[in-house]
Protein backbone atom coordinates (compact mmCIF):
# COMPACT_ATOMS: atom_id res chain seq x y z
CA MET A 1 128.29 174.45 69.90
CA TYR A 2 127.60 178.13 70.38
CA GLU A 3 128.56 181.48 68.87
CA ILE A 4 129.66 184.69 70.49
CA GLU A 5 129.29 187.74 68.28
CA PHE A 6 130.04 191.42 68.84
CA PRO A 7 130.86 194.52 66.75
CA LEU A 8 134.52 194.90 65.83
CA ALA A 9 134.17 198.69 66.09
CA SER A 10 137.64 200.24 66.44
CA LEU A 11 139.32 197.09 67.78
CA ASP A 12 142.39 195.67 66.05
CA LEU A 13 141.34 192.59 64.08
CA GLU A 14 144.55 190.61 64.61
CA SER A 15 144.39 191.20 68.37
CA VAL A 16 140.74 190.14 68.47
CA GLU A 17 141.41 186.98 66.47
CA ALA A 18 144.36 186.08 68.68
CA ALA A 19 142.33 186.59 71.87
CA LEU A 20 139.43 184.50 70.55
CA THR A 21 141.80 181.72 69.60
CA ASP A 22 143.36 181.84 73.06
CA ILE A 23 139.97 181.33 74.72
CA GLY A 24 139.13 178.35 72.50
CA ALA A 25 137.33 179.64 69.40
CA SER A 26 137.06 176.97 66.68
CA SER A 27 136.62 179.61 63.98
CA VAL A 28 136.32 183.37 63.60
CA THR A 29 134.12 184.89 60.87
CA LEU A 30 133.68 188.52 59.84
CA VAL A 31 130.21 189.64 58.74
CA ASP A 32 128.98 192.86 57.13
CA ARG A 33 126.41 194.47 59.43
CA GLY A 34 125.35 196.93 56.73
CA ASP A 35 124.90 196.63 52.99
CA GLU A 36 128.26 197.53 51.50
CA PRO A 37 129.42 196.28 48.06
CA VAL A 38 131.25 192.98 47.65
CA LEU A 39 134.85 193.30 48.82
CA GLU A 40 137.63 192.54 46.39
CA PRO A 41 140.84 191.83 48.34
CA LEU A 42 144.09 190.92 46.68
CA PRO A 43 145.61 187.54 47.66
CA GLY A 44 146.67 187.74 51.30
CA GLU A 45 144.87 191.06 51.85
CA VAL A 46 142.02 191.55 54.36
CA ARG A 47 139.59 194.40 53.82
CA LEU A 48 136.93 195.18 56.40
CA TRP A 49 133.51 196.71 56.13
CA SER A 50 132.94 199.97 58.00
CA ASP A 51 130.50 198.15 60.30
CA THR A 52 131.90 194.67 60.89
CA LEU A 53 130.54 191.95 63.14
CA VAL A 54 132.90 189.39 64.67
CA ARG A 55 131.36 185.93 65.02
CA ALA A 56 133.31 183.26 66.94
CA LEU A 57 132.30 179.60 67.11
CA PHE A 58 132.99 177.53 70.23
CA GLN A 59 132.60 173.86 71.09
CA ARG A 60 130.66 173.61 74.32
CA ASP A 61 132.07 171.90 77.37
CA PRO A 62 130.73 168.30 77.20
CA ALA A 63 129.66 168.66 80.81
CA SER A 64 127.51 171.74 80.01
CA GLU A 65 123.89 171.66 78.90
CA TRP A 66 122.32 174.58 77.03
CA PRO A 67 120.98 176.29 80.20
CA ASP A 68 124.59 176.44 81.41
CA LEU A 69 126.06 177.72 78.17
CA PRO A 70 125.40 181.42 78.83
CA LEU A 71 127.40 180.98 82.03
CA GLU A 72 130.21 179.24 80.13
CA ALA A 73 130.15 181.97 77.48
CA ALA A 74 130.08 184.68 80.17
CA GLY A 75 133.44 183.45 81.41
CA LYS A 76 134.91 183.83 77.93
CA LEU A 77 133.36 187.27 77.51
CA ALA A 78 134.83 188.34 80.83
CA ARG A 79 138.28 187.41 79.56
CA LEU A 80 137.69 189.41 76.37
CA ALA A 81 136.39 192.39 78.37
CA ALA A 82 139.54 192.35 80.49
CA ILE A 83 141.57 192.82 77.28
CA PHE A 84 139.37 195.07 75.14
CA GLY A 85 136.98 196.79 77.55
CA THR A 86 133.52 196.29 79.02
CA HIS A 87 131.72 197.26 75.80
CA ILE A 88 132.38 193.69 74.66
CA THR A 89 130.02 192.27 77.28
CA GLN A 90 127.52 195.08 76.69
CA THR A 91 127.19 194.44 72.96
CA ALA A 92 127.86 190.70 72.67
CA ARG A 93 125.25 188.06 71.87
CA VAL A 94 125.46 184.33 72.59
CA THR A 95 123.60 181.93 70.27
CA ARG A 96 123.26 178.17 70.35
CA VAL A 97 124.36 176.45 67.12
CA THR A 98 123.09 173.06 65.96
CA GLU A 99 126.02 170.77 65.26
CA ARG A 100 126.21 170.12 61.52
CA ASP A 101 128.86 169.77 58.85
CA TRP A 102 128.78 173.48 58.03
CA GLU A 103 131.50 173.16 55.39
CA ARG A 104 129.13 171.07 53.28
CA VAL A 105 125.58 171.93 54.37
CA TRP A 106 125.32 174.65 51.68
CA LEU A 107 125.55 171.91 49.03
CA THR A 108 122.26 170.31 50.15
CA GLY A 109 120.17 172.02 47.47
CA TRP A 110 122.76 171.83 44.70
CA LYS A 111 121.42 169.96 41.67
CA SER A 112 122.63 168.97 38.21
CA MET A 113 122.76 171.92 35.79
CA ARG A 114 123.17 172.30 32.04
CA PHE A 115 125.38 174.93 30.44
CA GLY A 116 125.15 175.61 26.74
CA ARG A 117 123.87 172.82 24.51
CA ARG A 118 125.37 169.70 26.04
CA LEU A 119 127.56 170.39 29.08
CA TRP A 120 126.21 169.25 32.44
CA VAL A 121 127.75 169.73 35.89
CA CYS A 122 126.42 167.15 38.32
CA PRO A 123 127.02 166.53 42.03
CA THR A 124 128.97 163.35 42.63
CA ALA A 125 126.01 161.29 43.79
CA ALA A 126 123.36 162.72 41.42
CA ALA A 127 121.66 160.58 38.79
CA PRO A 128 122.83 161.31 35.22
CA PRO A 129 120.61 163.69 33.22
CA ASP A 130 118.06 162.24 30.82
CA ASP A 131 119.96 163.54 27.81
CA PRO A 132 121.74 161.14 25.42
CA ASN A 133 124.06 163.92 24.25
CA ALA A 134 125.04 165.07 27.72
CA ILE A 135 128.71 165.72 28.48
CA ILE A 136 128.94 165.31 32.24
CA VAL A 137 131.36 166.76 34.76
CA ARG A 138 131.05 165.08 38.17
CA LEU A 139 131.97 167.53 40.89
CA ASP A 140 132.59 167.82 44.59
CA PRO A 141 133.95 171.32 45.27
CA GLY A 142 135.38 170.46 48.68
CA LEU A 143 136.37 173.77 50.28
CA ALA A 144 137.08 175.45 46.94
CA PHE A 145 134.99 177.85 44.86
CA GLY A 146 133.24 176.55 41.77
CA THR A 147 129.99 174.61 41.33
CA GLY A 148 128.46 176.49 38.41
CA THR A 149 125.78 178.10 40.54
CA HIS A 150 127.43 181.53 40.48
CA PRO A 151 126.74 183.59 37.32
CA THR A 152 130.45 184.15 36.63
CA THR A 153 131.18 180.40 36.54
CA ALA A 154 128.00 179.69 34.59
CA LEU A 155 128.97 182.21 31.91
CA CYS A 156 132.41 180.62 31.50
CA LEU A 157 130.91 177.15 31.18
CA GLN A 158 128.37 178.34 28.63
CA ILE A 159 131.13 179.90 26.49
CA LEU A 160 133.41 176.86 26.82
CA ASP A 161 130.61 174.68 25.45
CA SER A 162 130.59 176.82 22.28
CA LEU A 163 134.36 176.73 21.59
CA PRO A 164 136.28 174.34 19.28
CA LEU A 165 138.40 172.79 22.04
CA ALA A 166 139.01 169.35 20.52
CA GLY A 167 142.71 168.52 20.73
CA ARG A 168 143.56 171.96 22.18
CA THR A 169 145.35 173.09 25.33
CA VAL A 170 143.65 175.13 28.05
CA ILE A 171 144.75 177.09 31.12
CA ASP A 172 142.30 177.38 34.03
CA TYR A 173 143.80 180.22 36.09
CA GLY A 174 142.24 180.45 39.54
CA CYS A 175 140.86 176.94 39.13
CA GLY A 176 138.98 176.61 42.43
CA SER A 177 137.25 173.24 42.26
CA GLY A 178 138.72 172.68 38.78
CA ILE A 179 135.32 173.02 37.15
CA LEU A 180 136.40 174.99 34.06
CA GLY A 181 139.44 172.85 33.31
CA LEU A 182 137.48 169.63 33.78
CA ALA A 183 134.71 170.92 31.53
CA ALA A 184 137.29 171.74 28.85
CA LEU A 185 138.71 168.22 29.01
CA LYS A 186 135.26 166.65 28.80
CA LEU A 187 134.57 168.89 25.79
CA GLY A 188 137.60 167.44 24.01
CA ALA A 189 140.61 169.49 25.11
CA ALA A 190 143.84 167.51 25.03
CA ARG A 191 145.56 169.08 28.02
CA VAL A 192 144.68 171.49 30.85
CA THR A 193 146.90 173.40 33.24
CA ALA A 194 144.99 174.29 36.42
CA VAL A 195 146.47 177.06 38.55
CA ASP A 196 145.51 178.43 41.96
CA ILE A 197 147.02 180.20 44.96
CA ASP A 198 144.89 178.17 47.42
CA PRO A 199 146.12 174.68 48.43
CA GLN A 200 142.49 173.63 49.05
CA ALA A 201 141.69 174.48 45.44
CA LEU A 202 144.59 172.40 44.16
CA LEU A 203 143.45 169.48 46.32
CA ALA A 204 139.83 169.78 45.14
CA THR A 205 140.94 169.98 41.50
CA ARG A 206 143.08 166.84 41.78
CA ASP A 207 140.24 164.97 43.50
CA ASN A 208 137.71 166.05 40.88
CA ALA A 209 140.08 165.16 38.05
CA ALA A 210 140.35 161.64 39.47
CA ARG A 211 136.58 161.52 39.90
CA ASN A 212 136.15 162.31 36.20
CA GLY A 213 138.92 160.01 34.98
CA VAL A 214 141.05 162.81 33.50
CA SER A 215 143.99 162.97 35.94
CA ALA A 216 146.48 162.08 33.21
CA SER A 217 145.43 165.12 31.16
CA ILE A 218 145.58 167.86 33.78
CA GLN A 219 148.58 169.61 35.35
CA VAL A 220 147.69 171.14 38.74
CA GLN A 221 150.10 173.79 39.99
CA GLY A 222 150.58 176.87 42.14
CA ILE A 223 150.94 180.40 40.78
CA ASP A 224 154.74 180.38 40.95
CA ALA A 225 155.16 177.58 38.42
CA PRO A 226 155.81 178.66 34.81
CA LEU A 227 152.96 178.60 32.30
CA VAL A 228 153.21 177.10 28.82
CA PRO A 229 151.01 179.14 26.43
CA ALA A 230 147.67 177.54 25.61
CA HIS A 231 144.97 177.89 22.97
CA CYS A 232 142.37 178.93 25.55
CA VAL A 233 142.94 180.78 28.82
CA ALA A 234 140.10 181.04 31.35
CA ALA A 235 140.48 183.14 34.50
CA ASN A 236 137.46 183.39 36.78
CA ILE A 237 138.90 185.47 39.61
CA LEU A 238 138.46 189.19 40.38
CA ALA A 239 138.77 192.47 38.47
CA GLY A 240 141.81 193.82 40.32
CA PRO A 241 143.97 190.71 39.92
CA LEU A 242 142.83 190.34 36.28
CA ILE A 243 144.10 193.85 35.53
CA ASP A 244 147.38 193.18 37.34
CA LEU A 245 147.82 189.85 35.55
CA ALA A 246 147.05 191.20 32.06
CA PRO A 247 150.64 190.98 30.72
CA MET A 248 151.11 187.43 32.01
CA LEU A 249 147.70 186.12 30.89
CA THR A 250 148.14 187.75 27.48
CA ARG A 251 151.46 185.96 27.00
CA ALA A 252 149.81 182.72 28.16
CA CYS A 253 147.26 182.87 25.33
CA GLU A 254 148.50 181.60 21.96
CA PRO A 255 148.00 183.74 18.82
CA ALA A 256 144.42 183.29 17.55
CA GLY A 257 143.58 181.70 20.91
CA TYR A 258 140.64 182.45 23.16
CA LEU A 259 140.53 184.37 26.45
CA LEU A 260 137.74 184.19 29.05
CA LEU A 261 137.87 186.67 31.93
CA SER A 262 135.22 186.43 34.60
CA GLY A 263 134.48 187.08 38.27
CA LEU A 264 133.47 190.60 37.24
CA LEU A 265 130.64 192.94 38.04
CA LYS A 266 129.25 194.65 34.93
CA THR A 267 130.60 197.96 36.22
CA GLN A 268 134.14 196.55 36.15
CA ALA A 269 134.11 195.33 32.55
CA TYR A 270 135.42 198.53 30.94
CA ALA A 271 138.56 198.71 33.11
CA VAL A 272 139.38 195.03 32.55
CA LYS A 273 138.79 195.27 28.79
CA ALA A 274 141.14 198.25 28.65
CA ALA A 275 143.93 196.24 30.32
CA TYR A 276 143.80 193.64 27.53
CA ALA A 277 142.96 195.93 24.58
CA SER A 278 146.41 195.83 22.96
CA GLY A 279 146.52 192.06 22.50
CA PHE A 280 142.98 190.99 21.65
CA ASP A 281 140.24 191.70 19.14
CA LYS A 282 136.64 190.49 18.71
CA VAL A 283 135.94 191.33 22.35
CA GLN A 284 132.49 190.47 23.69
CA VAL A 285 130.97 191.07 27.12
CA VAL A 286 128.40 188.44 28.08
CA GLU A 287 126.18 189.38 31.02
CA ARG A 288 124.02 187.64 33.59
CA ASP A 289 122.35 189.51 36.44
CA ASP A 290 124.94 191.99 37.78
CA TRP A 291 127.89 189.92 36.55
CA CYS A 292 129.71 189.51 33.28
CA CYS A 293 132.35 187.53 31.40
CA ILE A 294 134.72 189.05 28.83
CA PHE A 295 135.26 186.75 25.84
CA SER A 296 137.90 187.66 23.26
CA ARG A 297 140.22 186.30 20.58
CA ARG A 298 143.98 186.88 20.57
CA ASP A 299 145.43 188.66 17.56
CA ALA A 300 146.83 186.15 15.09
């Protein structure tokens, strides 16, 4: 395998992606060449950095050895230059890539972690923790977000461990791997509704529910399906969508129920709190590093 990368500059992204696909790219990735803040696109929206690098991955011709790959790549670059101009060949770089399962290699260093007093999230094959009181969620995130390593997920798990969830209903909105909903069930919740816009997230959540023996207690659904109000609503997504979804998520939380809003930078907390101010009291902002989780109680 090898990569061809070059600056996007003023080129049209859709045209570049189409051309790379036509010449055999296995994947196309966009990378920030500078140090701009984390992007926050809405579902289906693509926002670009001001200085964006295009990185395309190619399977090498089985007949080619590495010394021949620059020649193979040069042919592809020539085709791109014919479409977009010679600056492509002048600025492009070709790099050999070791063949690995890149979708899963980032999980190599992921280990069992404790959240709160008793909740543990453990990789599927990890040994159980040496803790007789441990409540364990076995997890394989697949291609979905959610292992507990990110501060926003960790904050949600820590708060869930402190809530009286026994016999209650929970909504995990933007479920990703299903980690929050599964944790709620292991902590005693009676029923969870897991919602996501991404089919990979719904697949990962179903798989992880089966892995943890709780498939019968979880409803996995897309965002268009109706929501039955629940005692606890957790939404670990992004500030913009949380503000837009405030009326719907407020209605989804039962009176005297709990609301967890995460996926937020500390600088975004005020705007998100304001969007929910009319329906909730006892609002707390719990912080870790540059991130935070808003924890509140619905008016009775």
